[in-house]
C-alpha atoms as a PDB file:
ATOM      1  CA  MET A   1       0.000   0.000   0.000  1.00  0.00           C
ATOM      2  CA  ASN A   2       1.570   3.317  -1.040  1.00  0.00           C
ATOM      3  CA  GLU A   3       1.494   6.500   1.054  1.00  0.00           C
ATOM      4  CA  ARG A   4      -1.405   8.126  -0.840  1.00  0.00           C
ATOM      5  CA  THR A   5      -3.528   4.943  -0.669  1.00  0.00           C
ATOM      6  CA  LEU A   6      -2.765   4.567   3.039  1.00  0.00           C
ATOM      7  CA  ALA A   7      -3.705   8.207   3.627  1.00  0.00           C
ATOM      8  CA  SER A   8      -7.012   7.682   1.834  1.00  0.00           C
ATOM      9  CA  ALA A   9      -7.750   4.674   4.003  1.00  0.00           C
ATOM     10  CA  VAL A  10      -7.007   6.660   7.160  1.00  0.00           C
ATOM     11  CA  ALA A  11      -9.259   9.467   5.939  1.00  0.00           C
ATOM     12  CA  ALA A  12     -12.099   7.036   5.282  1.00  0.00           C
ATOM     13  CA  ALA A  13     -11.689   5.548   8.741  1.00  0.00           C
ATOM     14  CA  ALA A  14     -11.837   9.011  10.285  1.00  0.00           C
ATOM     15  CA  VAL A  15     -15.106   9.696   8.506  1.00  0.00           C
ATOM     16  CA  VAL A  16     -16.529   6.415   9.804  1.00  0.00           C
ATOM     17  CA  VAL A  17     -15.601   7.464  13.338  1.00  0.00           C
ATOM     18  CA  ALA A  18     -17.242  10.856  12.863  1.00  0.00           C
ATOM     19  CA  VAL A  19     -20.434   9.266  11.589  1.00  0.00           C
ATOM     20  CA  ALA A  20     -20.393   6.700  14.383  1.00  0.00           C
ATOM     21  CA  LEU A  21     -20.516   9.544  16.884  1.00  0.00           C
ATOM     22  CA  ALA A  22     -23.705  10.865  15.328  1.00  0.00           C
ATOM     23  CA  PRO A  23     -26.871  11.364  17.371  1.00  0.00           C
ATOM     24  CA  GLY A  24     -28.659   8.134  18.170  1.00  0.00           C
ATOM     25  CA  SER A  25     -25.557   6.024  18.810  1.00  0.00           C
ATOM     26  CA  ALA A  26     -24.097   5.082  22.171  1.00  0.00           C
ATOM     27  CA  ALA A  27     -21.159   3.055  23.396  1.00  0.00           C
ATOM     28  CA  GLY A  28     -21.771  -0.660  23.044  1.00  0.00           C
ATOM     29  CA  GLN A  29     -24.996  -0.174  21.096  1.00  0.00           C
ATOM     30  CA  THR A  30     -25.771  -0.544  17.420  1.00  0.00           C
ATOM     31  CA  PRO A  31     -27.548   2.629  16.281  1.00  0.00           C
ATOM     32  CA  THR A  32     -30.894   2.163  14.611  1.00  0.00           C
ATOM     33  CA  PRO A  33     -30.583   3.437  11.039  1.00  0.00           C
ATOM     34  CA  PHE A  34     -32.790   6.424  10.341  1.00  0.00           C
ATOM     35  CA  ASN A  35     -35.419   5.712   7.708  1.00  0.00           C
ATOM     36  CA  PRO A  36     -36.026   9.054   5.982  1.00  0.00           C
ATOM     37  CA  PRO A  37     -39.051   9.794   3.809  1.00  0.00           C
ATOM     38  CA  ARG A  38     -38.500   9.385   0.082  1.00  0.00           C
ATOM     39  CA  THR A  39     -38.881  11.622  -2.950  1.00  0.00           C
ATOM     40  CA  SER A  40     -40.906  10.512  -5.963  1.00  0.00           C
ATOM     41  CA  ASP A  41     -37.808   8.932  -7.528  1.00  0.00           C
ATOM     42  CA  GLY A  42     -36.773   7.134  -4.323  1.00  0.00           C
ATOM     43  CA  GLN A  43     -34.102   9.475  -2.971  1.00  0.00           C
ATOM     44  CA  PRO A  44     -33.914  10.040   0.790  1.00  0.00           C
ATOM     45  CA  ASP A  45     -35.803  13.322   1.155  1.00  0.00           C
ATOM     46  CA  ILE A  46     -33.433  15.896   2.662  1.00  0.00           C
ATOM     47  CA  GLN A  47     -35.082  19.003   1.259  1.00  0.00           C
ATOM     48  CA  GLY A  48     -34.996  22.130   3.397  1.00  0.00           C
ATOM     49  CA  VAL A  49     -32.713  24.886   4.620  1.00  0.00           C
ATOM     50  CA  TYR A  50     -29.719  23.935   6.747  1.00  0.00           C
ATOM     51  CA  ALA A  51     -27.083  25.841   8.696  1.00  0.00           C
ATOM     52  CA  PRO A  52     -23.514  24.479   8.978  1.00  0.00           C
ATOM     53  CA  ASN A  53     -22.091  23.838  12.430  1.00  0.00           C
ATOM     54  CA  ALA A  54     -18.770  25.287  11.335  1.00  0.00           C
ATOM     55  CA  PRO A  55     -18.075  28.548  13.188  1.00  0.00           C
ATOM     56  CA  ASP A  56     -15.516  30.743  11.414  1.00  0.00           C
ATOM     57  CA  ALA A  57     -14.271  27.886   9.204  1.00  0.00           C
ATOM     58  CA  ALA A  58     -14.718  30.068   6.123  1.00  0.00           C
ATOM     59  CA  HIS A  59     -12.303  32.519   7.738  1.00  0.00           C
ATOM     60  CA  SER A  60      -9.679  29.988   8.812  1.00  0.00           C
ATOM     61  CA  LEU A  61      -9.866  26.213   8.482  1.00  0.00           C
ATOM     62  CA  GLU A  62      -6.519  25.694  10.203  1.00  0.00           C
ATOM     63  CA  GLU A  63      -6.618  28.273  13.003  1.00  0.00           C
ATOM     64  CA  GLY A  64     -10.349  27.980  13.607  1.00  0.00           C
ATOM     65  CA  ALA A  65     -12.483  30.662  15.224  1.00  0.00           C
ATOM     66  CA  GLU A  66     -10.980  34.050  16.044  1.00  0.00           C
ATOM     67  CA  PRO A  67     -11.994  34.878  19.639  1.00  0.00           C
ATOM     68  CA  GLU A  68      -9.901  38.057  19.583  1.00  0.00           C
ATOM     69  CA  ASN A  69     -12.595  39.590  17.380  1.00  0.00           C
ATOM     70  CA  THR A  70     -14.788  40.007  20.474  1.00  0.00           C
ATOM     71  CA  LEU A  71     -12.181  41.705  22.669  1.00  0.00           C
ATOM     72  CA  GLY A  72     -13.478  45.142  23.634  1.00  0.00           C
ATOM     73  CA  ARG A  73     -16.894  44.455  22.099  1.00  0.00           C
ATOM     74  CA  THR A  74     -18.257  42.046  24.727  1.00  0.00           C
ATOM     75  CA  THR A  75     -17.942  41.542  28.479  1.00  0.00           C
ATOM     76  CA  ARG A  76     -15.429  38.724  27.989  1.00  0.00           C
ATOM     77  CA  ASN A  77     -11.966  39.354  29.373  1.00  0.00           C
ATOM     78  CA  ARG A  78      -8.506  38.453  28.047  1.00  0.00           C
ATOM     79  CA  ALA A  79      -8.282  35.235  30.128  1.00  0.00           C
ATOM     80  CA  GLU A  80     -11.597  33.939  28.757  1.00  0.00           C
ATOM     81  CA  ILE A  81     -10.519  34.683  25.213  1.00  0.00           C
ATOM     82  CA  ASP A  82      -7.153  32.972  25.762  1.00  0.00           C
ATOM     83  CA  ALA A  83      -9.034  29.885  26.976  1.00  0.00           C
ATOM     84  CA  ASP A  84     -11.112  29.916  23.805  1.00  0.00           C
ATOM     85  CA  LEU A  85      -7.965  30.138  21.722  1.00  0.00           C
ATOM     86  CA  LYS A  86      -6.828  26.817  23.199  1.00  0.00           C
ATOM     87  CA  ASN A  87     -10.131  25.144  22.314  1.00  0.00           C
ATOM     88  CA  ARG A  88     -10.905  26.409  18.830  1.00  0.00           C
ATOM     89  CA  HIS A  89     -13.403  24.428  16.821  1.00  0.00           C
ATOM     90  CA  VAL A  90     -11.447  23.102  13.845  1.00  0.00           C
ATOM     91  CA  LEU A  91     -13.057  21.021  11.076  1.00  0.00           C
ATOM     92  CA  ILE A  92      -9.953  19.106   9.991  1.00  0.00           C
ATOM     93  CA  ILE A  93     -10.238  15.564  11.384  1.00  0.00           C
ATOM     94  CA  ASP A  94      -7.509  13.924   9.319  1.00  0.00           C
ATOM     95  CA  PRO A  95      -4.613  14.281   9.611  1.00  0.00           C
ATOM     96  CA  ALA A  96      -5.195  14.045  13.354  1.00  0.00           C
ATOM     97  CA  PRO A  97      -4.703  15.792  15.648  1.00  0.00           C
ATOM     98  CA  GLY A  98      -4.403  18.490  12.995  1.00  0.00           C
ATOM     99  CA  PRO A  99      -5.195  21.177  12.312  1.00  0.00           C
ATOM    100  CA  LYS A 100      -2.647  21.713   9.549  1.00  0.00           C
ATOM    101  CA  ILE A 101      -3.377  21.104   5.866  1.00  0.00           C
ATOM    102  CA  PRO A 102      -0.673  18.709   4.585  1.00  0.00           C
ATOM    103  CA  TYR A 103       0.819  21.177   2.144  1.00  0.00           C
ATOM    104  CA  GLN A 104       3.878  20.570   0.023  1.00  0.00           C
ATOM    105  CA  PRO A 105       6.616  23.099   0.935  1.00  0.00           C
ATOM    106  CA  TRP A 106       6.014  25.301  -2.132  1.00  0.00           C
ATOM    107  CA  ALA A 107       2.282  25.592  -1.340  1.00  0.00           C
ATOM    108  CA  ARG A 108       2.876  26.515   2.326  1.00  0.00           C
ATOM    109  CA  ALA A 109       5.438  29.109   1.230  1.00  0.00           C
ATOM    110  CA  LYS A 110       2.902  30.528  -1.240  1.00  0.00           C
ATOM    111  CA  GLN A 111       0.326  30.743   1.556  1.00  0.00           C
ATOM    112  CA  ARG A 112       2.729  32.775   3.719  1.00  0.00           C
ATOM    113  CA  GLU A 113       3.373  35.062   0.754  1.00  0.00           C
ATOM    114  CA  LEU A 114      -0.369  35.626   0.312  1.00  0.00           C
ATOM    115  CA  LEU A 115      -0.890  36.273   4.043  1.00  0.00           C
ATOM    116  CA  GLU A 116       1.818  38.937   3.977  1.00  0.00           C
ATOM    117  CA  ALA A 117       0.293  40.523   0.878  1.00  0.00           C
ATOM    118  CA  MET A 118      -3.131  40.550   2.559  1.00  0.00           C
ATOM    119  CA  PHE A 119      -1.692  42.547   5.460  1.00  0.00           C
ATOM    120  CA  THR A 120      -0.718  45.411   3.125  1.00  0.00           C
ATOM    121  CA  PRO A 121      -2.492  44.814  -0.208  1.00  0.00           C
ATOM    122  CA  ILE A 122      -1.348  46.910  -3.142  1.00  0.00           C
ATOM    123  CA  LYS A 123      -3.041  45.040  -6.033  1.00  0.00           C
ATOM    124  CA  ILE A 124      -6.369  43.285  -6.357  1.00  0.00           C
ATOM    125  CA  THR A 125      -4.899  39.769  -6.242  1.00  0.00           C
ATOM    126  CA  ASP A 126      -3.534  40.602  -2.765  1.00  0.00           C
ATOM    127  CA  ILE A 127      -7.151  40.594  -1.539  1.00  0.00           C
ATOM    128  CA  GLU A 128      -8.789  37.277  -0.777  1.00  0.00           C
ATOM    129  CA  PRO A 129     -11.346  35.906  -3.291  1.00  0.00           C
ATOM    130  CA  GLU A 130     -14.421  36.287  -1.046  1.00  0.00           C
ATOM    131  CA  ASP A 131     -13.765  40.019  -0.566  1.00  0.00           C
ATOM    132  CA  ARG A 132     -13.570  40.268  -4.352  1.00  0.00           C
ATOM    133  CA  CYS A 133     -16.997  38.561  -4.526  1.00  0.00           C
ATOM    134  CA  ALA A 134     -15.727  35.521  -6.412  1.00  0.00           C
ATOM    135  CA  LEU A 135     -17.538  32.216  -6.046  1.00  0.00           C
ATOM    136  CA  LEU A 136     -16.045  30.276  -3.145  1.00  0.00           C
ATOM    137  CA  GLY A 137     -15.549  26.798  -4.587  1.00  0.00           C
ATOM    138  CA  VAL A 138     -15.913  23.407  -2.908  1.00  0.00           C
ATOM    139  CA  PRO A 139     -15.945  22.758  -0.007  1.00  0.00           C
ATOM    140  CA  ARG A 140     -15.781  26.404   1.176  1.00  0.00           C
ATOM    141  CA  SER A 141     -19.271  27.197  -0.161  1.00  0.00           C
ATOM    142  CA  ASN A 142     -20.670  24.617   2.243  1.00  0.00           C
ATOM    143  CA  TYR A 143     -19.406  26.280   5.442  1.00  0.00           C
ATOM    144  CA  ARG A 144     -19.869  29.922   4.428  1.00  0.00           C
ATOM    145  CA  GLY A 145     -23.565  30.095   5.398  1.00  0.00           C
ATOM    146  CA  ASP A 146     -27.027  28.608   4.982  1.00  0.00           C
ATOM    147  CA  VAL A 147     -27.805  26.193   2.157  1.00  0.00           C
ATOM    148  CA  ASP A 148     -31.188  25.322   0.692  1.00  0.00           C
ATOM    149  CA  ILE A 149     -31.299  21.704  -0.538  1.00  0.00           C
ATOM    150  CA  ILE A 150     -33.741  21.117  -3.395  1.00  0.00           C
ATOM    151  CA  GLN A 151     -34.433  17.712  -4.975  1.00  0.00           C
ATOM    152  CA  SER A 152     -35.996  16.785  -8.293  1.00  0.00           C
ATOM    153  CA  PRO A 153     -35.984  13.480 -10.202  1.00  0.00           C
ATOM    154  CA  GLY A 154     -32.351  12.548 -10.835  1.00  0.00           C
ATOM    155  CA  MET A 155     -30.975  15.785  -9.376  1.00  0.00           C
ATOM    156  CA  VAL A 156     -29.941  17.450  -6.113  1.00  0.00           C
ATOM    157  CA  THR A 157     -29.495  21.245  -6.153  1.00  0.00           C
ATOM    158  CA  LEU A 158     -27.658  23.209  -3.476  1.00  0.00           C
ATOM    159  CA  HIS A 159     -28.708  26.869  -3.304  1.00  0.00           C
ATOM    160  CA  TYR A 160     -26.410  28.989  -1.136  1.00  0.00           C
ATOM    161  CA  ALA A 161     -27.297  32.223   0.639  1.00  0.00           C
ATOM    162  CA  TRP A 162     -23.873  33.683  -0.098  1.00  0.00           C
ATOM    163  CA  ASN A 163     -23.553  35.388  -3.468  1.00  0.00           C
ATOM    164  CA  HIS A 164     -26.582  33.606  -4.949  1.00  0.00           C
ATOM    165  CA  ALA A 165     -24.352  30.619  -5.715  1.00  0.00           C
ATOM    166  CA  TYR A 166     -25.708  27.187  -6.517  1.00  0.00           C
ATOM    167  CA  ARG A 167     -24.549  23.708  -7.476  1.00  0.00           C
ATOM    168  CA  MET A 168     -26.497  21.153  -9.498  1.00  0.00           C
ATOM    169  CA  ILE A 169     -25.631  17.506  -8.777  1.00  0.00           C
ATOM    170  CA  PRO A 170     -26.882  15.031 -11.405  1.00  0.00           C
ATOM    171  CA  LEU A 171     -27.532  11.488 -10.175  1.00  0.00           C
ATOM    172  CA  ASP A 172     -27.885   9.786 -13.569  1.00  0.00           C
ATOM    173  CA  GLY A 173     -24.285   8.635 -13.998  1.00  0.00           C
ATOM    174  CA  ARG A 174     -23.392  11.080 -16.763  1.00  0.00           C
ATOM    175  CA  PRO A 175     -19.641  11.677 -17.253  1.00  0.00           C
ATOM    176  CA  HIS A 176     -17.803  14.725 -15.962  1.00  0.00           C
ATOM    177  CA  LEU A 177     -17.165  17.713 -18.198  1.00  0.00           C
ATOM    178  CA  PRO A 178     -14.032  17.677 -20.402  1.00  0.00           C
ATOM    179  CA  GLU A 179     -10.881  18.181 -18.344  1.00  0.00           C
ATOM    180  CA  GLN A 180      -9.997  21.518 -19.934  1.00  0.00           C
ATOM    181  CA  ILE A 181     -13.190  23.136 -18.580  1.00  0.00           C
ATOM    182  CA  ARG A 182     -12.558  24.700 -15.143  1.00  0.00           C
ATOM    183  CA  LEU A 183     -15.278  26.147 -12.916  1.00  0.00           C
ATOM    184  CA  PHE A 184     -15.173  27.966  -9.570  1.00  0.00           C
ATOM    185  CA  ASN A 185     -17.579  25.428  -8.027  1.00  0.00           C
ATOM    186  CA  GLY A 186     -16.340  22.537 -10.134  1.00  0.00           C
ATOM    187  CA  ASP A 187     -18.378  19.793 -11.782  1.00  0.00           C
ATOM    188  CA  SER A 188     -20.393  17.576  -9.425  1.00  0.00           C
ATOM    189  CA  ARG A 189     -21.706  14.044  -9.996  1.00  0.00           C
ATOM    190  CA  GLY A 190     -23.584  12.205  -7.257  1.00  0.00           C
ATOM    191  CA  HIS A 191     -25.108   8.905  -6.246  1.00  0.00           C
ATOM    192  CA  TRP A 192     -26.798   7.550  -3.137  1.00  0.00           C
ATOM    193  CA  GLU A 193     -25.244   4.861  -0.932  1.00  0.00           C
ATOM    194  CA  GLY A 194     -28.070   4.129   1.484  1.00  0.00           C
ATOM    195  CA  ASN A 195     -28.661   7.350   3.413  1.00  0.00           C
ATOM    196  CA  THR A 196     -25.446   8.956   2.159  1.00  0.00           C
ATOM    197  CA  LEU A 197     -25.247  11.212  -0.869  1.00  0.00           C
ATOM    198  CA  VAL A 198     -21.743  10.740  -2.322  1.00  0.00           C
ATOM    199  CA  VAL A 199     -20.626  13.585  -4.572  1.00  0.00           C
ATOM    200  CA  ASP A 200     -17.562  13.478  -6.815  1.00  0.00           C
ATOM    201  CA  VAL A 201     -16.313  17.014  -7.577  1.00  0.00           C
ATOM    202  CA  THR A 202     -13.772  17.644 -10.353  1.00  0.00           C
ATOM    203  CA  ASN A 203     -12.905  20.390 -12.876  1.00  0.00           C
ATOM    204  CA  LEU A 204     -12.216  22.892 -10.100  1.00  0.00           C
ATOM    205  CA  SER A 205     -10.530  26.203 -10.851  1.00  0.00           C
ATOM    206  CA  ASP A 206      -7.297  26.964  -8.993  1.00  0.00           C
ATOM    207  CA  GLU A 207      -8.509  30.511  -8.262  1.00  0.00           C
ATOM    208  CA  THR A 208     -10.451  29.634  -5.092  1.00  0.00           C
ATOM    209  CA  TRP A 209      -9.189  29.283  -1.518  1.00  0.00           C
ATOM    210  CA  PHE A 210     -10.514  27.069   1.279  1.00  0.00           C
ATOM    211  CA  ASP A 211     -10.798  30.080   3.614  1.00  0.00           C
ATOM    212  CA  SER A 212      -9.588  33.678   4.039  1.00  0.00           C
ATOM    213  CA  HIS A 213      -6.073  32.622   5.042  1.00  0.00           C
ATOM    214  CA  GLY A 214      -4.460  31.935   1.691  1.00  0.00           C
ATOM    215  CA  THR A 215      -5.272  28.221   1.638  1.00  0.00           C
ATOM    216  CA  ILE A 216      -4.643  27.606  -2.035  1.00  0.00           C
ATOM    217  CA  HIS A 217      -4.864  24.505  -4.182  1.00  0.00           C
ATOM    218  CA  SER A 218      -4.021  23.621  -7.770  1.00  0.00           C
ATOM    219  CA  ASP A 219      -6.212  22.720 -10.730  1.00  0.00           C
ATOM    220  CA  ALA A 220      -5.688  19.055  -9.769  1.00  0.00           C
ATOM    221  CA  LEU A 221      -7.962  19.358  -6.716  1.00  0.00           C
ATOM    222  CA  HIS A 222     -10.422  16.460  -6.401  1.00  0.00           C
ATOM    223  CA  VAL A 223     -13.100  16.458  -3.682  1.00  0.00           C
ATOM    224  CA  ILE A 224     -15.268  13.574  -2.511  1.00  0.00           C
ATOM    225  CA  GLU A 225     -18.223  14.731  -0.386  1.00  0.00           C
ATOM    226  CA  ARG A 226     -20.408  12.526   1.805  1.00  0.00           C
ATOM    227  CA  TRP A 227     -23.754  13.955   2.981  1.00  0.00           C
ATOM    228  CA  THR A 228     -25.138  11.437   5.506  1.00  0.00           C
ATOM    229  CA  VAL A 229     -28.720  11.754   6.771  1.00  0.00           C
ATOM    230  CA  VAL A 230     -28.598  11.158  10.540  1.00  0.00           C
ATOM    231  CA  ASP A 231     -32.129  12.079  11.535  1.00  0.00           C
ATOM    232  CA  ALA A 232     -34.951  14.345  10.397  1.00  0.00           C
ATOM    233  CA  ASN A 233     -32.961  17.479  11.265  1.00  0.00           C
ATOM    234  CA  THR A 234     -29.280  16.559  10.928  1.00  0.00           C
ATOM    235  CA  ILE A 235     -26.881  15.816   8.078  1.00  0.00           C
ATOM    236  CA  ASN A 236     -23.304  14.776   8.787  1.00  0.00           C
ATOM    237  CA  TYR A 237     -20.976  16.206   6.165  1.00  0.00           C
ATOM    238  CA  ALA A 238     -17.465  15.038   5.326  1.00  0.00           C
ATOM    239  CA  ALA A 239     -15.178  15.988   2.462  1.00  0.00           C
ATOM    240  CA  THR A 240     -11.892  14.352   1.508  1.00  0.00           C
ATOM    241  CA  LEU A 241      -9.605  16.575  -0.559  1.00  0.00           C
ATOM    242  CA  ASP A 242      -6.798  15.316  -2.757  1.00  0.00           C
ATOM    243  CA  ASP A 243      -4.393  17.403  -4.833  1.00  0.00           C
ATOM    244  CA  PRO A 244      -1.121  15.693  -5.804  1.00  0.00           C
ATOM    245  CA  LYS A 245       0.302  19.023  -7.001  1.00  0.00           C
ATOM    246  CA  ALA A 246      -0.227  20.868  -3.682  1.00  0.00           C
ATOM    247  CA  PHE A 247      -0.730  18.324  -0.850  1.00  0.00           C
ATOM    248  CA  THR A 248       1.536  15.563   0.453  1.00  0.00           C
ATOM    249  CA  ARG A 249      -1.540  13.380   1.075  1.00  0.00           C
ATOM    250  CA  PRO A 250      -5.341  13.578   1.060  1.00  0.00           C
ATOM    251  CA  TRP A 251      -7.026  15.207   4.071  1.00  0.00           C
ATOM    252  CA  THR A 252     -10.546  15.346   5.470  1.00  0.00           C
ATOM    253  CA  ILE A 253     -12.901  17.809   7.113  1.00  0.00           C
ATOM    254  CA  ALA A 254     -16.155  16.889   8.887  1.00  0.00           C
ATOM    255  CA  TYR A 255     -19.003  18.718  10.616  1.00  0.00           C
ATOM    256  CA  SER A 256     -22.801  18.664  10.761  1.00  0.00           C
ATOM    257  CA  PHE A 257     -25.636  20.607   9.170  1.00  0.00           C
ATOM    258  CA  ASN A 258     -28.714  21.417  11.255  1.00  0.00           C
ATOM    259  CA  ARG A 259     -32.113  21.973   9.696  1.00  0.00           C
ATOM    260  CA  LEU A 260     -33.659  25.406  10.239  1.00  0.00           C
ATOM    261  CA  LYS A 261     -37.110  24.490  11.556  1.00  0.00           C
ATOM    262  CA  ASP A 262     -38.892  27.828  11.167  1.00  0.00           C
ATOM    263  CA  LYS A 263     -41.413  27.130   8.405  1.00  0.00           C
ATOM    264  CA  ASN A 264     -41.473  30.824   7.523  1.00  0.00           C
ATOM    265  CA  TYR A 265     -37.702  31.039   7.100  1.00  0.00           C
ATOM    266  CA  GLU A 266     -36.536  32.310   3.722  1.00  0.00           C
ATOM    267  CA  VAL A 267     -33.062  32.245   2.246  1.00  0.00           C
ATOM    268  CA  TRP A 268     -32.085  35.853   1.642  1.00  0.00           C
ATOM    269  CA  GLU A 269     -29.348  36.430  -0.877  1.00  0.00           C
ATOM    270  CA  GLU A 270     -26.129  37.879   0.525  1.00  0.00           C
ATOM    271  CA  ALA A 271     -25.477  39.802  -2.677  1.00  0.00           C
ATOM    272  CA  CYS A 272     -21.896  40.596  -3.580  1.00  0.00           C
ATOM    273  CA  VAL A 273     -20.937  42.362  -6.798  1.00  0.00           C
ATOM    274  CA  GLU A 274     -17.721  41.186  -8.440  1.00  0.00           C
ATOM    275  CA  GLY A 275     -15.080  43.828  -7.894  1.00  0.00           C
ATOM    276  CA  ASN A 276     -16.879  45.208  -4.797  1.00  0.00           C
ATOM    277  CA  ASP A 277     -15.415  48.613  -5.660  1.00  0.00           C
ATOM    278  CA  PRO A 278     -15.787  50.604  -2.391  1.00  0.00           C
ATOM    279  CA  THR A 279     -14.383  47.789  -0.247  1.00  0.00           C
ATOM    280  CA  ILE A 280     -11.617  46.868  -2.666  1.00  0.00           C
ATOM    281  CA  GLU A 281     -10.485  50.445  -3.210  1.00  0.00           C
ATOM    282  CA  GLY A 282     -10.534  51.096   0.529  1.00  0.00           C
ATOM    283  CA  GLU A 283      -8.355  48.051   1.271  1.00  0.00           C
ATOM    284  CA  LEU A 284      -5.921  48.922  -1.505  1.00  0.00           C
ATOM    285  CA  SER A 285      -5.649  52.562  -0.414  1.00  0.00           C
ATOM    286  CA  VAL A 286      -4.777  51.557   3.144  1.00  0.00           C
ATOM    287  CA  GLY A 287      -2.395  48.840   1.947  1.00  0.00           C
ATOM    288  CA  ARG A 288      -0.519  51.229  -0.332  1.00  0.00           C
ATOM    289  CA  LEU A 289      -0.274  53.827   2.424  1.00  0.00           C
ATOM    290  CA  LEU A 290       1.148  51.285   4.889  1.00  0.00           C
ATOM    291  CA  THR A 291       3.551  49.930   2.281  1.00  0.00           C
ATOM    292  CA  ALA A 292       4.830  53.443   1.586  1.00  0.00           C
ATOM    293  CA  LYS A 293       5.511  53.822   5.313  1.00  0.00           C
ATOM    294  CA  GLY A 294       7.448  50.535   5.342  1.00  0.00           C
ATOM    295  CA  VAL A 295       4.877  48.651   7.405  1.00  0.00           C
ATOM    296  CA  LYS A 296       5.023  44.861   7.027  1.00  0.00           C
ATOM    297  CA  GLY A 297       3.112  42.022   8.648  1.00  0.00           C
ATOM    298  CA  ARG A 298       1.169  38.835   8.151  1.00  0.00           C
ATOM    299  CA  HIS A 299      -2.557  38.127   8.421  1.00  0.00           C
ATOM    300  CA  GLU A 300      -2.600  35.441  11.139  1.00  0.00           C
ATOM    301  CA  HIS A 301      -4.190  34.947  14.556  1.00  0.00           C
ATOM    302  CA  THR A 302      -1.250  33.228  16.224  1.00  0.00           C
ATOM    303  CA  PRO A 303       2.195  34.632  15.383  1.00  0.00           C
ATOM    304  CA  GLY A 304       4.284  32.054  13.550  1.00  0.00           C
ATOM    305  CA  PHE A 305       1.383  29.621  13.061  1.00  0.00           C
ATOM    306  CA  TYR A 306       2.144  29.166   9.349  1.00  0.00           C
ATOM    307  CA  ASP A 307       5.927  28.918   9.669  1.00  0.00           C
ATOM    308  CA  GLU A 308       7.598  25.605   8.953  1.00  0.00           C
ATOM    309  CA  LYS A 309       8.209  23.672  12.164  1.00  0.00           C
END
């Protein structure tokens, strides 16, 4: 078994552990499988609006939530915030204990370069893709905000609140798009394995990041998603990411989605216009001013977090 195959096996085992800890299971007991209602074409019916249990992951997958953001704006003191820093909720479950993405040296060095450019941006590519209103890609779209799951015969559609983005996932076994076609949200093909929707995502553009902290990938990124129905209100999500050009091995994130039960709830578009001129120009003006004054830094929560150890 080679290193990449072994890593994939470890990732799969980690997902099994995550699913085994789902609601309804207990030590020494075999959980009773949930029997969801079915759509007209026999799919498990998971339609509805869900919120990801992934606080601040879209900002930083590796460092997790940023408790310092609340300092001076809440009644919490420095000691309480420091305690939170030690117990950040991080989605990366493999490699364990994490939370680092297994980057090749060139990719980690590129991330540090981007984080330094973000601190004092002087050109538009120094600003992270979300602030430029680009589509977020996979899996970042899934932990950015609410998602409305819509099903029709042979199709699952994911409609995101952020930026009016959506993904259509055919279930009919059609082939992927030609390799030369690259899309921000990639090309998805799905099938059901019991109560788990397995989605194969290819044809991803290399212009997206996994979060706001310069977490790049190449055009070789391949994502396998597993959406497992746990009960009437919970979906366990896991994604294994492989990119032989940027990673030393595949790695996996996992978290849950919780159904929003308010029957009157509506998904409101978080509109974002590509270019986002006032915000972009403001960031660039400040960045150029700081650069002219010789100011340097790095966008990170913990000093030295992204340095090679």
